[in-house]
Amino acid sequence: MNLPNKITLSRIFLIPAFLVVYLAQPFGDLVNIWLALVLFVIAASTDALDGYLARKLKLVTNFGKLIDPLADKLLVCSVLVAFTAVGVVPAWATIVIISREFYISGFRQLALEQNLVMAATGLGKVKTTFQITLIVYILLPFQFLIFAPVTWALIIAAVVFTIWSAVDYTVKNMRVFTGRGN
């Protein structure tokens, strides 16, 4: 268990802490929102840190390749489910995003069985950026004072890029469906 993998696992362990703070609100509304925001930003930041350290220190492992994207999906999906539970994000948007993550995970598994490497796409990174931006914006304690239309615009953008990235990923990797592995 190397340092980058420990950092990745910390992202997973921060999820329950976020959920308790956000949903149970043990400290009062405003304190909980700020604390939830801090927890999410720390958790989301570990994604860049663990990848950087793994490459820089030459500590890339199969465990890390497996757990890192899983940790990302768990973090984003857990937060979106919490947002849906309190009525901040509509269920249809959360379902689309979670469905894409299951689809791509299955797609990657199929590729792996065929010894195919499926690189992350630029649209996947844009999708993640919109999802993270949406989550941070919703967690900002004053976001409701800014504009509700901004929240909706971010939800729509996150969903559009989620769908677009799934289609892009599929089109660029059609060889997985033909069963022609390396």
N, C-alpha and C. Protein backbone atom coordinates (compact mmCIF):
# COMPACT_ATOMS: atom_id res chain seq x y z
N MET A 1 0.86 -1.18 0.00
CA MET A 1 0.00 0.00 0.00
C MET A 1 0.90 1.23 0.00
N ASN A 2 1.03 1.86 -1.14
CA ASN A 2 1.90 3.03 -1.25
C ASN A 2 1.13 4.33 -0.96
N LEU A 3 1.86 5.44 -0.93
CA LEU A 3 1.27 6.74 -0.59
C LEU A 3 0.14 7.15 -1.54
N PRO A 4 0.34 7.07 -2.87
CA PRO A 4 -0.78 7.46 -3.75
C PRO A 4 -2.05 6.63 -3.50
N ASN A 5 -1.89 5.33 -3.24
CA ASN A 5 -3.06 4.50 -2.98
C ASN A 5 -3.73 4.86 -1.65
N LYS A 6 -2.92 5.22 -0.66
CA LYS A 6 -3.49 5.66 0.62
C LYS A 6 -4.28 6.96 0.43
N ILE A 7 -3.76 7.84 -0.40
CA ILE A 7 -4.46 9.10 -0.68
C ILE A 7 -5.78 8.81 -1.39
N THR A 8 -5.75 7.89 -2.34
CA THR A 8 -6.98 7.49 -3.04
C THR A 8 -8.01 6.94 -2.06
N LEU A 9 -7.56 6.06 -1.17
CA LEU A 9 -8.47 5.49 -0.18
C LEU A 9 -9.03 6.55 0.76
N SER A 10 -8.24 7.59 1.03
CA SER A 10 -8.74 8.67 1.90
C SER A 10 -9.94 9.35 1.25
N ARG A 11 -9.95 9.41 -0.09
CA ARG A 11 -11.08 10.01 -0.80
C ARG A 11 -12.35 9.20 -0.51
N ILE A 12 -12.22 7.90 -0.51
CA ILE A 12 -13.37 7.04 -0.22
C ILE A 12 -13.82 7.21 1.23
N PHE A 13 -12.86 7.30 2.15
CA PHE A 13 -13.19 7.43 3.56
C PHE A 13 -13.77 8.80 3.91
N LEU A 14 -13.54 9.79 3.06
CA LEU A 14 -14.13 11.12 3.29
C LEU A 14 -15.61 11.16 2.89
N ILE A 15 -16.05 10.21 2.10
CA ILE A 15 -17.45 10.21 1.64
C ILE A 15 -18.43 10.11 2.82
N PRO A 16 -18.29 9.13 3.72
CA PRO A 16 -19.23 9.09 4.85
C PRO A 16 -19.18 10.34 5.72
N ALA A 17 -17.99 10.89 5.90
CA ALA A 17 -17.87 12.13 6.70
C ALA A 17 -18.66 13.25 6.03
N PHE A 18 -18.51 13.37 4.70
CA PHE A 18 -19.26 14.38 3.96
C PHE A 18 -20.76 14.17 4.15
N LEU A 19 -21.20 12.93 3.96
CA LEU A 19 -22.64 12.63 4.04
C LEU A 19 -23.22 12.93 5.41
N VAL A 20 -22.49 12.60 6.47
CA VAL A 20 -22.97 12.89 7.82
C VAL A 20 -23.08 14.40 8.02
N VAL A 21 -22.05 15.11 7.64
CA VAL A 21 -22.06 16.57 7.82
C VAL A 21 -23.15 17.22 6.99
N TYR A 22 -23.30 16.78 5.73
CA TYR A 22 -24.27 17.41 4.84
C TYR A 22 -25.72 17.03 5.18
N LEU A 23 -25.94 15.75 5.42
CA LEU A 23 -27.32 15.28 5.61
C LEU A 23 -27.80 15.35 7.06
N ALA A 24 -26.95 14.98 8.01
CA ALA A 24 -27.36 14.96 9.41
C ALA A 24 -27.26 16.34 10.06
N GLN A 25 -26.43 17.19 9.53
CA GLN A 25 -26.23 18.57 10.01
C GLN A 25 -26.03 18.64 11.52
N PRO A 26 -24.98 18.00 12.02
CA PRO A 26 -24.76 18.01 13.47
C PRO A 26 -24.32 19.35 14.05
N PHE A 27 -23.90 20.29 13.22
CA PHE A 27 -23.35 21.55 13.74
C PHE A 27 -24.20 22.77 13.42
N GLY A 28 -25.30 22.61 12.73
CA GLY A 28 -26.11 23.76 12.33
C GLY A 28 -25.89 24.05 10.86
N ASP A 29 -26.87 24.60 10.22
CA ASP A 29 -26.87 24.74 8.76
C ASP A 29 -25.60 25.34 8.17
N LEU A 30 -25.26 26.56 8.57
CA LEU A 30 -24.14 27.25 7.92
C LEU A 30 -22.80 26.55 8.18
N VAL A 31 -22.57 26.11 9.38
CA VAL A 31 -21.32 25.41 9.70
C VAL A 31 -21.25 24.11 8.90
N ASN A 32 -22.36 23.39 8.80
CA ASN A 32 -22.37 22.14 8.05
C ASN A 32 -22.08 22.36 6.57
N ILE A 33 -22.67 23.40 6.01
CA ILE A 33 -22.44 23.66 4.59
C ILE A 33 -20.97 23.97 4.33
N TRP A 34 -20.39 24.83 5.15
CA TRP A 34 -18.95 25.14 4.97
C TRP A 34 -18.09 23.91 5.17
N LEU A 35 -18.40 23.13 6.20
CA LEU A 35 -17.62 21.92 6.47
C LEU A 35 -17.79 20.90 5.34
N ALA A 36 -19.00 20.75 4.83
CA ALA A 36 -19.24 19.85 3.70
C ALA A 36 -18.46 20.31 2.48
N LEU A 37 -18.45 21.62 2.24
CA LEU A 37 -17.68 22.16 1.12
C LEU A 37 -16.20 21.85 1.28
N VAL A 38 -15.66 22.07 2.45
CA VAL A 38 -14.24 21.80 2.71
C VAL A 38 -13.94 20.32 2.52
N LEU A 39 -14.78 19.46 3.08
CA LEU A 39 -14.57 18.01 2.93
C LEU A 39 -14.60 17.60 1.46
N PHE A 40 -15.55 18.14 0.72
CA PHE A 40 -15.63 17.78 -0.70
C PHE A 40 -14.41 18.27 -1.46
N VAL A 41 -14.01 19.50 -1.24
CA VAL A 41 -12.85 20.05 -1.95
C VAL A 41 -11.59 19.24 -1.62
N ILE A 42 -11.42 18.88 -0.37
CA ILE A 42 -10.27 18.05 0.01
C ILE A 42 -10.35 16.70 -0.72
N ALA A 43 -11.51 16.07 -0.68
CA ALA A 43 -11.67 14.76 -1.33
C ALA A 43 -11.42 14.86 -2.83
N ALA A 44 -12.01 15.87 -3.47
CA ALA A 44 -11.83 16.03 -4.92
C ALA A 44 -10.37 16.34 -5.26
N SER A 45 -9.70 17.09 -4.40
CA SER A 45 -8.30 17.45 -4.65
C SER A 45 -7.37 16.24 -4.56
N THR A 46 -7.74 15.25 -3.80
CA THR A 46 -6.88 14.07 -3.68
C THR A 46 -6.75 13.34 -5.00
N ASP A 47 -7.71 13.54 -5.91
CA ASP A 47 -7.65 12.87 -7.20
C ASP A 47 -6.43 13.32 -7.99
N ALA A 48 -6.22 14.61 -8.06
CA ALA A 48 -5.05 15.12 -8.78
C ALA A 48 -3.76 14.75 -8.05
N LEU A 49 -3.79 14.83 -6.74
CA LEU A 49 -2.59 14.56 -5.94
C LEU A 49 -2.14 13.11 -6.06
N ASP A 50 -3.07 12.16 -5.92
CA ASP A 50 -2.65 10.76 -5.98
C ASP A 50 -2.10 10.39 -7.35
N GLY A 51 -2.73 10.89 -8.39
CA GLY A 51 -2.23 10.61 -9.75
C GLY A 51 -0.86 11.22 -10.00
N TYR A 52 -0.70 12.45 -9.56
CA TYR A 52 0.59 13.12 -9.72
C TYR A 52 1.70 12.35 -8.99
N LEU A 53 1.45 12.01 -7.73
CA LEU A 53 2.46 11.29 -6.96
C LEU A 53 2.75 9.90 -7.54
N ALA A 54 1.73 9.22 -7.99
CA ALA A 54 1.94 7.88 -8.56
C ALA A 54 2.85 7.95 -9.78
N ARG A 55 2.62 8.95 -10.64
CA ARG A 55 3.47 9.09 -11.83
C ARG A 55 4.86 9.60 -11.47
N LYS A 56 4.92 10.62 -10.64
CA LYS A 56 6.19 11.26 -10.27
C LYS A 56 7.12 10.29 -9.54
N LEU A 57 6.56 9.52 -8.61
CA LEU A 57 7.36 8.60 -7.80
C LEU A 57 7.43 7.19 -8.40
N LYS A 58 6.82 7.06 -9.61
CA LYS A 58 6.79 5.76 -10.28
C LYS A 58 6.17 4.68 -9.39
N LEU A 59 5.02 5.02 -8.82
CA LEU A 59 4.31 4.12 -7.92
C LEU A 59 2.94 3.72 -8.49
N VAL A 60 2.83 3.70 -9.81
CA VAL A 60 1.58 3.30 -10.45
C VAL A 60 1.39 1.80 -10.23
N THR A 61 0.23 1.43 -9.69
CA THR A 61 -0.06 0.02 -9.41
C THR A 61 -1.39 -0.38 -10.05
N ASN A 62 -1.60 -1.67 -10.21
CA ASN A 62 -2.89 -2.15 -10.71
C ASN A 62 -4.01 -1.79 -9.74
N PHE A 63 -3.71 -1.88 -8.44
CA PHE A 63 -4.71 -1.49 -7.44
C PHE A 63 -5.09 -0.02 -7.63
N GLY A 64 -4.11 0.83 -7.82
CA GLY A 64 -4.36 2.25 -8.03
C GLY A 64 -5.17 2.52 -9.29
N LYS A 65 -4.85 1.78 -10.36
CA LYS A 65 -5.59 1.94 -11.62
C LYS A 65 -7.05 1.55 -11.45
N LEU A 66 -7.30 0.59 -10.57
CA LEU A 66 -8.66 0.14 -10.32
C LEU A 66 -9.41 1.06 -9.35
N ILE A 67 -8.76 1.39 -8.25
CA ILE A 67 -9.45 2.10 -7.16
C ILE A 67 -9.61 3.60 -7.43
N ASP A 68 -8.69 4.20 -8.17
CA ASP A 68 -8.78 5.65 -8.41
C ASP A 68 -10.06 6.05 -9.14
N PRO A 69 -10.37 5.46 -10.30
CA PRO A 69 -11.63 5.85 -10.94
C PRO A 69 -12.86 5.46 -10.13
N LEU A 70 -12.76 4.36 -9.39
CA LEU A 70 -13.87 3.95 -8.54
C LEU A 70 -14.10 4.99 -7.43
N ALA A 71 -13.03 5.47 -6.83
CA ALA A 71 -13.14 6.49 -5.79
C ALA A 71 -13.78 7.76 -6.34
N ASP A 72 -13.39 8.14 -7.56
CA ASP A 72 -13.98 9.33 -8.19
C ASP A 72 -15.49 9.16 -8.37
N LYS A 73 -15.87 8.01 -8.90
CA LYS A 73 -17.29 7.75 -9.15
C LYS A 73 -18.07 7.71 -7.84
N LEU A 74 -17.51 7.05 -6.82
CA LEU A 74 -18.19 6.98 -5.52
C LEU A 74 -18.40 8.36 -4.93
N LEU A 75 -17.38 9.20 -5.03
CA LEU A 75 -17.47 10.55 -4.46
C LEU A 75 -18.57 11.35 -5.15
N VAL A 76 -18.48 11.48 -6.46
CA VAL A 76 -19.44 12.30 -7.20
C VAL A 76 -20.86 11.74 -7.08
N CYS A 77 -21.01 10.44 -7.25
CA CYS A 77 -22.35 9.84 -7.18
C CYS A 77 -22.95 9.95 -5.79
N SER A 78 -22.15 9.76 -4.75
CA SER A 78 -22.66 9.88 -3.38
C SER A 78 -23.17 11.29 -3.10
N VAL A 79 -22.40 12.27 -3.52
CA VAL A 79 -22.80 13.66 -3.30
C VAL A 79 -24.08 13.98 -4.08
N LEU A 80 -24.14 13.53 -5.33
CA LEU A 80 -25.34 13.80 -6.12
C LEU A 80 -26.58 13.11 -5.54
N VAL A 81 -26.42 11.90 -5.02
CA VAL A 81 -27.55 11.23 -4.37
C VAL A 81 -27.99 12.03 -3.14
N ALA A 82 -27.03 12.53 -2.37
CA ALA A 82 -27.38 13.37 -1.21
C ALA A 82 -28.12 14.63 -1.65
N PHE A 83 -27.65 15.25 -2.73
CA PHE A 83 -28.32 16.44 -3.25
C PHE A 83 -29.74 16.11 -3.71
N THR A 84 -29.90 14.95 -4.31
CA THR A 84 -31.24 14.53 -4.76
C THR A 84 -32.13 14.27 -3.55
N ALA A 85 -31.57 13.68 -2.52
CA ALA A 85 -32.36 13.37 -1.30
C ALA A 85 -32.92 14.63 -0.66
N VAL A 86 -32.19 15.73 -0.75
CA VAL A 86 -32.68 16.98 -0.13
C VAL A 86 -33.36 17.89 -1.14
N GLY A 87 -33.49 17.44 -2.38
CA GLY A 87 -34.23 18.19 -3.38
C GLY A 87 -33.45 19.28 -4.10
N VAL A 88 -32.14 19.21 -4.06
CA VAL A 88 -31.33 20.24 -4.72
C VAL A 88 -31.05 19.89 -6.17
N VAL A 89 -30.87 18.62 -6.46
CA VAL A 89 -30.63 18.15 -7.83
C VAL A 89 -31.75 17.18 -8.17
N PRO A 90 -32.36 17.34 -9.36
CA PRO A 90 -33.46 16.43 -9.71
C PRO A 90 -32.96 14.99 -9.89
N ALA A 91 -33.82 14.06 -9.57
CA ALA A 91 -33.45 12.64 -9.64
C ALA A 91 -33.03 12.24 -11.05
N TRP A 92 -33.69 12.78 -12.08
CA TRP A 92 -33.35 12.38 -13.45
C TRP A 92 -31.90 12.72 -13.77
N ALA A 93 -31.40 13.85 -13.28
CA ALA A 93 -30.01 14.23 -13.56
C ALA A 93 -29.04 13.28 -12.86
N THR A 94 -29.34 12.97 -11.61
CA THR A 94 -28.50 12.03 -10.86
C THR A 94 -28.52 10.66 -11.51
N ILE A 95 -29.67 10.21 -11.95
CA ILE A 95 -29.79 8.90 -12.59
C ILE A 95 -28.99 8.85 -13.89
N VAL A 96 -29.04 9.90 -14.69
CA VAL A 96 -28.26 9.95 -15.93
C VAL A 96 -26.77 9.85 -15.63
N ILE A 97 -26.32 10.62 -14.65
CA ILE A 97 -24.90 10.63 -14.32
C ILE A 97 -24.44 9.28 -13.76
N ILE A 98 -25.21 8.71 -12.86
CA ILE A 98 -24.85 7.40 -12.30
C ILE A 98 -24.92 6.32 -13.38
N SER A 99 -25.91 6.38 -14.24
CA SER A 99 -26.03 5.39 -15.32
C SER A 99 -24.81 5.43 -16.23
N ARG A 100 -24.34 6.61 -16.55
CA ARG A 100 -23.14 6.74 -17.39
C ARG A 100 -21.95 6.08 -16.70
N GLU A 101 -21.82 6.30 -15.41
CA GLU A 101 -20.67 5.74 -14.69
C GLU A 101 -20.72 4.22 -14.68
N PHE A 102 -21.91 3.64 -14.48
CA PHE A 102 -22.05 2.18 -14.55
C PHE A 102 -21.74 1.68 -15.95
N TYR A 103 -22.27 2.36 -16.95
CA TYR A 103 -22.06 1.97 -18.34
C TYR A 103 -20.57 1.96 -18.68
N ILE A 104 -19.88 3.06 -18.38
CA ILE A 104 -18.45 3.16 -18.71
C ILE A 104 -17.65 2.13 -17.91
N SER A 105 -18.02 1.89 -16.66
CA SER A 105 -17.31 0.87 -15.87
C SER A 105 -17.47 -0.50 -16.51
N GLY A 106 -18.67 -0.83 -16.95
CA GLY A 106 -18.90 -2.10 -17.63
C GLY A 106 -18.15 -2.17 -18.95
N PHE A 107 -18.14 -1.06 -19.66
CA PHE A 107 -17.44 -0.96 -20.93
C PHE A 107 -15.94 -1.20 -20.72
N ARG A 108 -15.39 -0.57 -19.69
CA ARG A 108 -13.97 -0.76 -19.38
C ARG A 108 -13.67 -2.22 -18.99
N GLN A 109 -14.57 -2.84 -18.25
CA GLN A 109 -14.39 -4.24 -17.87
C GLN A 109 -14.37 -5.13 -19.11
N LEU A 110 -15.27 -4.87 -20.04
CA LEU A 110 -15.32 -5.63 -21.28
C LEU A 110 -14.01 -5.44 -22.06
N ALA A 111 -13.52 -4.23 -22.10
CA ALA A 111 -12.26 -3.95 -22.80
C ALA A 111 -11.10 -4.67 -22.12
N LEU A 112 -11.09 -4.65 -20.80
CA LEU A 112 -10.04 -5.30 -20.03
C LEU A 112 -10.00 -6.80 -20.34
N GLU A 113 -11.16 -7.42 -20.44
CA GLU A 113 -11.23 -8.84 -20.76
C GLU A 113 -10.66 -9.14 -22.14
N GLN A 114 -10.62 -8.12 -23.01
CA GLN A 114 -10.09 -8.28 -24.36
C GLN A 114 -8.67 -7.72 -24.48
N ASN A 115 -8.08 -7.38 -23.34
CA ASN A 115 -6.73 -6.79 -23.30
C ASN A 115 -6.63 -5.49 -24.09
N LEU A 116 -7.71 -4.73 -24.07
CA LEU A 116 -7.73 -3.42 -24.73
C LEU A 116 -7.56 -2.33 -23.68
N VAL A 117 -6.77 -1.34 -24.01
CA VAL A 117 -6.60 -0.19 -23.13
C VAL A 117 -7.48 0.93 -23.66
N MET A 118 -8.32 1.45 -22.78
CA MET A 118 -9.20 2.55 -23.16
C MET A 118 -8.78 3.79 -22.40
N ALA A 119 -8.18 4.70 -23.11
CA ALA A 119 -7.70 5.93 -22.49
C ALA A 119 -8.87 6.85 -22.16
N ALA A 120 -8.67 7.64 -21.12
CA ALA A 120 -9.66 8.67 -20.78
C ALA A 120 -9.72 9.67 -21.93
N THR A 121 -10.89 10.20 -22.17
CA THR A 121 -11.05 11.15 -23.26
C THR A 121 -11.10 12.58 -22.72
N GLY A 122 -10.87 13.52 -23.60
CA GLY A 122 -10.96 14.93 -23.22
C GLY A 122 -12.36 15.29 -22.74
N LEU A 123 -13.36 14.72 -23.39
CA LEU A 123 -14.74 15.00 -22.97
C LEU A 123 -15.03 14.43 -21.60
N GLY A 124 -14.39 13.33 -21.26
CA GLY A 124 -14.55 12.77 -19.92
C GLY A 124 -14.01 13.72 -18.87
N LYS A 125 -12.91 14.37 -19.19
CA LYS A 125 -12.33 15.35 -18.27
C LYS A 125 -13.23 16.60 -18.16
N VAL A 126 -13.81 17.01 -19.28
CA VAL A 126 -14.74 18.15 -19.27
C VAL A 126 -15.98 17.78 -18.44
N LYS A 127 -16.47 16.56 -18.61
CA LYS A 127 -17.61 16.07 -17.84
C LYS A 127 -17.33 16.15 -16.35
N THR A 128 -16.18 15.66 -15.97
CA THR A 128 -15.79 15.68 -14.56
C THR A 128 -15.69 17.11 -14.05
N THR A 129 -15.12 17.99 -14.85
CA THR A 129 -14.99 19.40 -14.46
C THR A 129 -16.36 20.02 -14.21
N PHE A 130 -17.32 19.75 -15.08
CA PHE A 130 -18.67 20.29 -14.87
C PHE A 130 -19.34 19.68 -13.65
N GLN A 131 -19.15 18.39 -13.43
CA GLN A 131 -19.75 17.76 -12.26
C GLN A 131 -19.18 18.34 -10.97
N ILE A 132 -17.86 18.50 -10.92
CA ILE A 132 -17.21 19.06 -9.73
C ILE A 132 -17.64 20.52 -9.53
N THR A 133 -17.68 21.27 -10.61
CA THR A 133 -18.10 22.67 -10.53
C THR A 133 -19.53 22.77 -10.01
N LEU A 134 -20.41 21.92 -10.51
CA LEU A 134 -21.79 21.89 -10.04
C LEU A 134 -21.85 21.62 -8.55
N ILE A 135 -21.12 20.62 -8.11
CA ILE A 135 -21.15 20.25 -6.68
C ILE A 135 -20.62 21.39 -5.81
N VAL A 136 -19.50 21.96 -6.20
CA VAL A 136 -18.92 23.06 -5.42
C VAL A 136 -19.89 24.24 -5.40
N TYR A 137 -20.48 24.56 -6.54
CA TYR A 137 -21.41 25.69 -6.61
C TYR A 137 -22.60 25.46 -5.68
N ILE A 138 -23.15 24.25 -5.70
CA ILE A 138 -24.29 23.96 -4.83
C ILE A 138 -23.90 24.06 -3.36
N LEU A 139 -22.68 23.67 -3.05
CA LEU A 139 -22.23 23.71 -1.66
C LEU A 139 -21.86 25.11 -1.17
N LEU A 140 -21.68 26.04 -2.08
CA LEU A 140 -21.37 27.40 -1.64
C LEU A 140 -22.52 27.93 -0.80
N PRO A 141 -22.24 28.37 0.42
CA PRO A 141 -23.32 28.80 1.31
C PRO A 141 -24.17 29.94 0.77
N PHE A 142 -23.63 30.71 -0.14
CA PHE A 142 -24.36 31.86 -0.64
C PHE A 142 -24.87 31.66 -2.06
N GLN A 143 -24.73 30.47 -2.62
CA GLN A 143 -25.11 30.26 -4.03
C GLN A 143 -26.57 30.57 -4.29
N PHE A 144 -27.44 30.31 -3.30
CA PHE A 144 -28.86 30.58 -3.50
C PHE A 144 -29.12 32.09 -3.63
N LEU A 145 -28.18 32.90 -3.16
CA LEU A 145 -28.32 34.35 -3.29
C LEU A 145 -27.88 34.84 -4.66
N ILE A 146 -27.12 34.03 -5.35
CA ILE A 146 -26.60 34.46 -6.65
C ILE A 146 -27.69 34.29 -7.69
N PHE A 147 -27.83 33.10 -8.24
CA PHE A 147 -28.86 32.87 -9.25
C PHE A 147 -29.22 31.40 -9.29
N ALA A 148 -30.48 31.08 -9.13
CA ALA A 148 -30.93 29.69 -9.31
C ALA A 148 -30.69 29.24 -10.75
N PRO A 149 -30.82 30.16 -11.74
CA PRO A 149 -30.55 29.73 -13.12
C PRO A 149 -29.12 29.21 -13.33
N VAL A 150 -28.17 29.69 -12.54
CA VAL A 150 -26.80 29.19 -12.66
C VAL A 150 -26.75 27.73 -12.25
N THR A 151 -27.44 27.39 -11.18
CA THR A 151 -27.49 25.99 -10.74
C THR A 151 -28.08 25.13 -11.85
N TRP A 152 -29.18 25.58 -12.42
CA TRP A 152 -29.81 24.80 -13.50
C TRP A 152 -28.90 24.70 -14.72
N ALA A 153 -28.23 25.77 -15.05
CA ALA A 153 -27.30 25.73 -16.20
C ALA A 153 -26.18 24.72 -15.95
N LEU A 154 -25.67 24.68 -14.72
CA LEU A 154 -24.62 23.72 -14.40
C LEU A 154 -25.15 22.29 -14.40
N ILE A 155 -26.37 22.08 -13.92
CA ILE A 155 -26.97 20.74 -13.96
C ILE A 155 -27.11 20.29 -15.41
N ILE A 156 -27.65 21.15 -16.24
CA ILE A 156 -27.84 20.80 -17.66
C ILE A 156 -26.49 20.54 -18.33
N ALA A 157 -25.50 21.40 -18.07
CA ALA A 157 -24.17 21.21 -18.67
C ALA A 157 -23.55 19.89 -18.20
N ALA A 158 -23.67 19.59 -16.91
CA ALA A 158 -23.12 18.33 -16.39
C ALA A 158 -23.78 17.13 -17.06
N VAL A 159 -25.10 17.18 -17.23
CA VAL A 159 -25.82 16.07 -17.85
C VAL A 159 -25.45 15.96 -19.34
N VAL A 160 -25.41 17.09 -20.04
CA VAL A 160 -25.08 17.07 -21.47
C VAL A 160 -23.67 16.50 -21.68
N PHE A 161 -22.69 16.98 -20.91
CA PHE A 161 -21.34 16.46 -21.07
C PHE A 161 -21.21 15.02 -20.59
N THR A 162 -22.03 14.62 -19.65
CA THR A 162 -22.05 13.23 -19.20
C THR A 162 -22.49 12.32 -20.35
N ILE A 163 -23.58 12.69 -21.00
CA ILE A 163 -24.09 11.90 -22.13
C ILE A 163 -23.11 11.95 -23.30
N TRP A 164 -22.65 13.15 -23.63
CA TRP A 164 -21.74 13.34 -24.76
C TRP A 164 -20.46 12.53 -24.56
N SER A 165 -19.91 12.55 -23.35
CA SER A 165 -18.68 11.81 -23.11
C SER A 165 -18.90 10.30 -23.22
N ALA A 166 -20.07 9.82 -22.82
CA ALA A 166 -20.37 8.39 -22.96
C ALA A 166 -20.46 7.99 -24.43
N VAL A 167 -21.11 8.83 -25.22
CA VAL A 167 -21.21 8.56 -26.67
C VAL A 167 -19.82 8.62 -27.30
N ASP A 168 -19.05 9.64 -26.95
CA ASP A 168 -17.68 9.79 -27.48
C ASP A 168 -16.82 8.59 -27.12
N TYR A 169 -16.88 8.18 -25.89
CA TYR A 169 -16.12 7.03 -25.39
C TYR A 169 -16.50 5.78 -26.16
N THR A 170 -17.79 5.60 -26.39
CA THR A 170 -18.29 4.42 -27.11
C THR A 170 -17.81 4.43 -28.56
N VAL A 171 -17.98 5.56 -29.23
CA VAL A 171 -17.59 5.67 -30.64
C VAL A 171 -16.09 5.44 -30.81
N LYS A 172 -15.30 6.02 -29.93
CA LYS A 172 -13.84 5.89 -30.05
C LYS A 172 -13.34 4.48 -29.71
N ASN A 173 -14.18 3.69 -29.07
CA ASN A 173 -13.76 2.35 -28.63
C ASN A 173 -14.70 1.26 -29.15
N MET A 174 -15.26 1.44 -30.33
CA MET A 174 -16.20 0.47 -30.88
C MET A 174 -15.58 -0.92 -31.01
N ARG A 175 -14.26 -0.99 -31.11
CA ARG A 175 -13.60 -2.29 -31.25
C ARG A 175 -13.90 -3.21 -30.06
N VAL A 176 -14.27 -2.62 -28.93
CA VAL A 176 -14.61 -3.43 -27.75
C VAL A 176 -15.85 -4.28 -28.06
N PHE A 177 -16.80 -3.73 -28.79
CA PHE A 177 -18.01 -4.46 -29.10
C PHE A 177 -17.81 -5.53 -30.16
N THR A 178 -16.78 -5.37 -30.98
CA THR A 178 -16.50 -6.38 -32.01
C THR A 178 -15.74 -7.57 -31.47
N GLY A 179 -15.18 -7.40 -30.24
CA GLY A 179 -14.43 -8.49 -29.63
C GLY A 179 -13.03 -8.68 -30.19
N ARG A 180 -12.54 -7.64 -30.87
CA ARG A 180 -11.19 -7.72 -31.45
C ARG A 180 -10.18 -7.11 -30.52
N GLY A 181 -9.75 -7.88 -29.52
CA GLY A 181 -8.73 -7.42 -28.58
C GLY A 181 -7.35 -7.47 -29.18
N ASN A 182 -6.39 -6.92 -28.45
CA ASN A 182 -5.00 -6.90 -28.93
C ASN A 182 -4.36 -8.27 -28.85
